[in-house]
Amino acid sequence: MFAQPGKGYDMAITQFSPEGRLFQVEYAIEAVRRGTTTIVCKNDESVVFAVEKKFSKLQEPWGSEKIFKIDDHIGIAISGLTADARVLIDKARIQSQVNILSYDEKISVKDVTLHICEFKQAYTQNAGVRPFGVSFLIGGVDSNGPSIYLTDPSGASWGYKAQAIGSGATETRAFLEDNYKDNLSDEELLLLPLKALRDMMGDDLNPNTCDIGVIMRDDRLFRMINEKEKKELLDKV
């Protein structure tokens, strides 16, 4: 009665349509587009993560996390299927420890990104599996300075100065393009993603509807902003 969206070409992950499309990958990307809004920005020394939080009044905070620590100097903000993200995050954490044991040095942000991308891409070419329905914004500070990378379900990656993913990505990216500048101070950097969330969420933005993670120039260590600090930052927005 109804035609299939992929006209049968979405029945197997390894089958290309006549237009050269992998529909299963496109479905995974759509899962990201429906996820919570996630923003990461950097300046010349620091990185800031900010995410929109959505949960019911009866739900405990545990399980709704969208920002994760990979190593002391690397964090990941996600949009899409959290269950898929946890598998990839565990892989990234293990690889970061392997790097320390093998080379006696912390893994670079680019190398951990490439490791995640290789694993994601393998799940777009083998029968009996499906792509990971999650995108990552990976941020960190290493010997090359601060960097941000976006990975999507296909296994592709790109570098950015500031980026947003999720359901509010289009308008949030437009805000970042209009307001980002290369010489941001640390205070301006902390407020920029929150201003972008405020522009999208309006009065719904409060300490309970967002999470913030930072890697600042003073210690270059990843940490989550506590509730008191979060409230102080939101009062400045």
Protein backbone atom coordinates (compact mmCIF):
# COMPACT_ATOMS: atom_id res chain seq x y z
CA MET A 1 0.00 0.00 0.00
CA PHE A 2 2.81 2.40 0.89
CA ALA A 3 6.16 2.54 -0.89
CA GLN A 4 9.21 1.98 1.26
CA PRO A 5 11.29 5.14 1.84
CA GLY A 6 14.41 3.54 0.39
CA LYS A 7 12.52 1.48 -2.22
CA GLY A 8 14.09 -1.67 -0.81
CA TYR A 9 17.64 -0.33 -0.80
CA ASP A 10 17.47 0.28 2.96
CA MET A 11 17.03 -3.43 3.74
CA ALA A 12 20.78 -4.05 3.97
CA ILE A 13 23.51 -1.77 5.27
CA THR A 14 25.95 -2.81 2.49
CA GLN A 15 23.60 -2.04 -0.41
CA PHE A 16 23.90 1.27 -2.25
CA SER A 17 20.89 2.82 -3.97
CA PRO A 18 21.19 3.76 -7.67
CA GLU A 19 21.94 7.31 -6.47
CA GLY A 20 24.90 6.05 -4.41
CA ARG A 21 23.20 6.47 -1.04
CA LEU A 22 23.35 4.26 2.05
CA PHE A 23 19.91 4.75 3.56
CA GLN A 24 20.77 3.11 6.89
CA VAL A 25 23.47 5.75 7.41
CA GLU A 26 20.97 8.50 6.55
CA TYR A 27 18.51 7.07 9.09
CA ALA A 28 21.25 7.19 11.75
CA ILE A 29 21.98 10.82 10.84
CA GLU A 30 18.27 11.56 11.26
CA ALA A 31 18.46 10.13 14.81
CA VAL A 32 21.15 12.73 15.51
CA ARG A 33 19.02 15.54 14.05
CA ARG A 34 16.28 14.62 16.54
CA GLY A 35 18.66 14.58 19.51
CA THR A 36 19.30 17.25 22.12
CA THR A 37 21.20 20.37 21.07
CA THR A 38 24.92 20.14 21.77
CA ILE A 39 27.51 22.93 21.42
CA VAL A 40 31.31 23.02 21.74
CA CYS A 41 33.49 26.13 21.29
CA LYS A 42 37.20 26.90 21.69
CA ASN A 43 39.57 29.84 21.81
CA ASP A 44 43.37 29.77 21.67
CA GLU A 45 43.76 27.91 25.00
CA SER A 46 40.40 26.58 26.27
CA VAL A 47 37.38 24.47 25.26
CA VAL A 48 33.78 24.74 26.51
CA PHE A 49 30.99 22.14 26.14
CA ALA A 50 27.28 22.97 26.62
CA VAL A 51 24.28 20.70 26.11
CA GLU A 52 20.53 20.92 26.41
CA LYS A 53 19.05 18.50 28.96
CA LYS A 54 15.63 16.93 28.55
CA PHE A 55 14.06 14.67 31.16
CA SER A 56 10.73 14.26 32.91
CA LYS A 57 9.92 15.57 36.39
CA LEU A 58 9.99 12.03 37.80
CA GLN A 59 13.36 11.15 36.30
CA GLU A 60 16.60 11.12 38.27
CA PRO A 61 19.52 13.01 36.67
CA TRP A 62 21.56 9.82 36.17
CA GLY A 63 21.18 8.47 32.65
CA SER A 64 20.54 11.83 30.99
CA GLU A 65 24.22 12.80 30.69
CA LYS A 66 25.35 14.14 27.32
CA ILE A 67 28.92 15.19 28.19
CA PHE A 68 31.55 12.56 29.01
CA LYS A 69 35.20 12.54 30.05
CA ILE A 70 37.55 10.50 27.87
CA ASP A 71 40.85 11.46 29.50
CA ASP A 72 42.06 14.30 31.72
CA HIS A 73 42.44 16.51 28.63
CA ILE A 74 39.59 15.31 26.38
CA GLY A 75 35.79 15.45 26.64
CA ILE A 76 32.96 14.39 24.34
CA ALA A 77 29.50 15.92 23.93
CA ILE A 78 26.93 13.77 22.15
CA SER A 79 23.66 14.02 20.28
CA GLY A 80 21.62 10.99 19.26
CA LEU A 81 21.26 7.58 20.87
CA THR A 82 22.97 7.60 24.27
CA ALA A 83 23.20 3.79 24.38
CA ASP A 84 25.20 3.79 21.14
CA ALA A 85 27.38 6.61 22.47
CA ARG A 86 28.37 4.68 25.60
CA VAL A 87 29.83 1.84 23.54
CA LEU A 88 31.99 4.25 21.54
CA ILE A 89 32.99 6.25 24.63
CA ASP A 90 34.22 3.07 26.33
CA LYS A 91 36.28 2.28 23.19
CA ALA A 92 37.77 5.78 23.24
CA ARG A 93 38.63 5.55 26.96
CA ILE A 94 40.36 2.21 26.46
CA GLN A 95 42.33 3.55 23.49
CA SER A 96 43.47 6.55 25.50
CA GLN A 97 44.82 4.23 28.23
CA VAL A 98 46.46 1.97 25.62
CA ASN A 99 48.25 5.02 24.24
CA ILE A 100 49.65 5.87 27.69
CA LEU A 101 50.82 2.28 28.28
CA SER A 102 52.30 1.93 24.78
CA TYR A 103 53.92 5.32 24.26
CA ASP A 104 54.02 6.86 27.75
CA GLU A 105 52.10 9.91 26.56
CA LYS A 106 48.51 11.07 26.43
CA ILE A 107 46.59 10.48 23.23
CA SER A 108 46.01 13.49 20.97
CA VAL A 109 42.49 14.75 20.30
CA LYS A 110 42.89 13.96 16.60
CA ASP A 111 44.03 10.38 17.23
CA VAL A 112 41.11 9.58 19.52
CA THR A 113 38.78 11.07 16.89
CA LEU A 114 40.26 8.90 14.14
CA HIS A 115 39.94 5.81 16.34
CA ILE A 116 36.23 6.49 16.90
CA CYS A 117 35.69 7.22 13.21
CA GLU A 118 37.33 3.97 12.10
CA PHE A 119 35.06 2.01 14.44
CA LYS A 120 31.97 3.90 13.25
CA GLN A 121 32.84 3.38 9.59
CA ALA A 122 33.26 -0.38 10.08
CA TYR A 123 29.60 -0.50 11.13
CA THR A 124 28.52 0.97 7.78
CA GLN A 125 30.06 -1.77 5.63
CA ASN A 126 29.37 -5.11 7.33
CA ALA A 127 26.19 -7.16 7.07
CA GLY A 128 24.35 -7.95 10.29
CA VAL A 129 25.12 -4.63 11.99
CA ARG A 130 23.78 -1.08 11.79
CA PRO A 131 25.43 2.35 11.98
CA PHE A 132 25.78 4.05 15.36
CA GLY A 133 22.98 6.57 15.67
CA VAL A 134 25.07 9.21 17.40
CA SER A 135 27.32 12.15 16.53
CA PHE A 136 30.16 13.39 18.72
CA LEU A 137 31.70 16.78 19.30
CA ILE A 138 35.15 15.88 20.63
CA GLY A 139 37.08 18.66 22.32
CA GLY A 140 40.40 18.73 24.10
CA VAL A 141 43.73 20.42 24.68
CA ASP A 142 46.96 18.60 23.77
CA SER A 143 50.46 19.52 22.60
CA ASN A 144 48.94 21.11 19.50
CA GLY A 145 46.67 23.33 21.57
CA PRO A 146 42.86 23.17 21.77
CA SER A 147 40.88 21.42 19.05
CA ILE A 148 37.32 20.37 18.26
CA TYR A 149 36.24 17.58 15.92
CA LEU A 150 32.78 16.52 14.76
CA THR A 151 32.14 12.86 13.89
CA ASP A 152 28.92 11.63 12.29
CA PRO A 153 27.41 8.11 11.96
CA SER A 154 29.19 7.52 8.62
CA GLY A 155 32.60 7.74 10.29
CA ALA A 156 33.48 11.07 8.69
CA SER A 157 35.09 13.82 10.76
CA TRP A 158 35.72 17.57 10.48
CA GLY A 159 37.58 20.14 12.57
CA TYR A 160 35.88 23.29 13.89
CA LYS A 161 36.38 26.36 16.03
CA ALA A 162 32.76 26.14 17.22
CA GLN A 163 29.99 23.74 16.23
CA ALA A 164 26.50 22.56 17.19
CA ILE A 165 24.60 19.33 16.54
CA GLY A 166 21.14 18.05 17.42
CA SER A 167 17.59 19.28 16.95
CA GLY A 168 18.47 22.96 17.33
CA ALA A 169 21.69 22.78 15.33
CA THR A 170 20.61 24.95 12.39
CA GLU A 171 19.64 28.05 14.36
CA THR A 172 22.41 27.52 16.91
CA ARG A 173 25.07 27.29 14.20
CA ALA A 174 23.71 30.50 12.68
CA PHE A 175 24.09 32.20 16.09
CA LEU A 176 27.67 30.92 16.44
CA GLU A 177 28.61 32.09 12.95
CA ASP A 178 27.35 35.58 13.78
CA ASN A 179 28.92 35.83 17.24
CA TYR A 180 32.11 33.75 17.24
CA LYS A 181 35.45 35.53 16.91
CA ASP A 182 39.01 34.24 17.02
CA ASN A 183 40.19 36.33 19.97
CA LEU A 184 37.54 35.33 22.51
CA SER A 185 38.54 35.68 26.16
CA ASP A 186 37.86 32.76 28.50
CA GLU A 187 34.84 34.54 30.00
CA GLU A 188 33.41 35.27 26.55
CA LEU A 189 34.03 31.66 25.58
CA LEU A 190 32.15 30.39 28.64
CA LEU A 191 29.15 32.57 27.84
CA LEU A 192 29.00 32.04 24.05
CA PRO A 193 27.45 28.52 24.00
CA LEU A 194 25.06 29.51 26.79
CA LYS A 195 23.95 32.56 24.79
CA ALA A 196 23.40 30.25 21.82
CA LEU A 197 21.26 27.94 23.97
CA ARG A 198 19.37 30.96 25.35
CA ASP A 199 18.70 32.14 21.80
CA MET A 200 17.15 28.75 21.02
CA MET A 201 15.51 27.80 24.35
CA GLY A 202 14.47 31.23 25.67
CA ASP A 203 13.24 31.22 29.27
CA ASP A 204 13.44 27.41 29.39
CA LEU A 205 17.20 27.67 29.90
CA ASN A 206 18.08 27.21 33.58
CA PRO A 207 20.58 25.17 35.67
CA ASN A 208 18.31 22.11 35.40
CA THR A 209 18.01 22.16 31.60
CA CYS A 210 21.67 22.37 30.63
CA ASP A 211 25.07 20.89 31.44
CA ILE A 212 28.45 22.56 30.98
CA GLY A 213 31.92 21.05 30.76
CA VAL A 214 35.21 22.92 30.44
CA ILE A 215 38.92 22.51 29.76
CA MET A 216 40.48 25.83 30.77
CA ARG A 217 43.93 27.27 30.19
CA ASP A 218 44.94 27.35 33.87
CA ASP A 219 45.13 23.56 34.29
CA ARG A 220 44.04 22.05 30.91
CA LEU A 221 41.95 19.44 32.75
CA PHE A 222 38.42 18.42 31.81
CA ARG A 223 35.75 18.96 34.44
CA MET A 224 32.01 19.52 34.71
CA ILE A 225 30.76 22.88 36.00
CA ASN A 226 28.96 22.49 39.34
CA GLU A 227 25.49 23.85 40.05
CA LYS A 228 26.70 27.01 41.78
CA GLU A 229 29.06 27.93 38.94
CA LYS A 230 26.38 27.10 36.40
CA LYS A 231 23.90 29.45 38.03
CA GLU A 232 26.48 32.25 38.15
CA LEU A 233 27.19 31.85 34.44
CA LEU A 234 23.50 31.79 33.50
CA ASP A 235 22.94 34.97 35.50
CA LYS A 236 25.44 36.70 33.18
CA VAL A 237 23.74 35.56 29.98
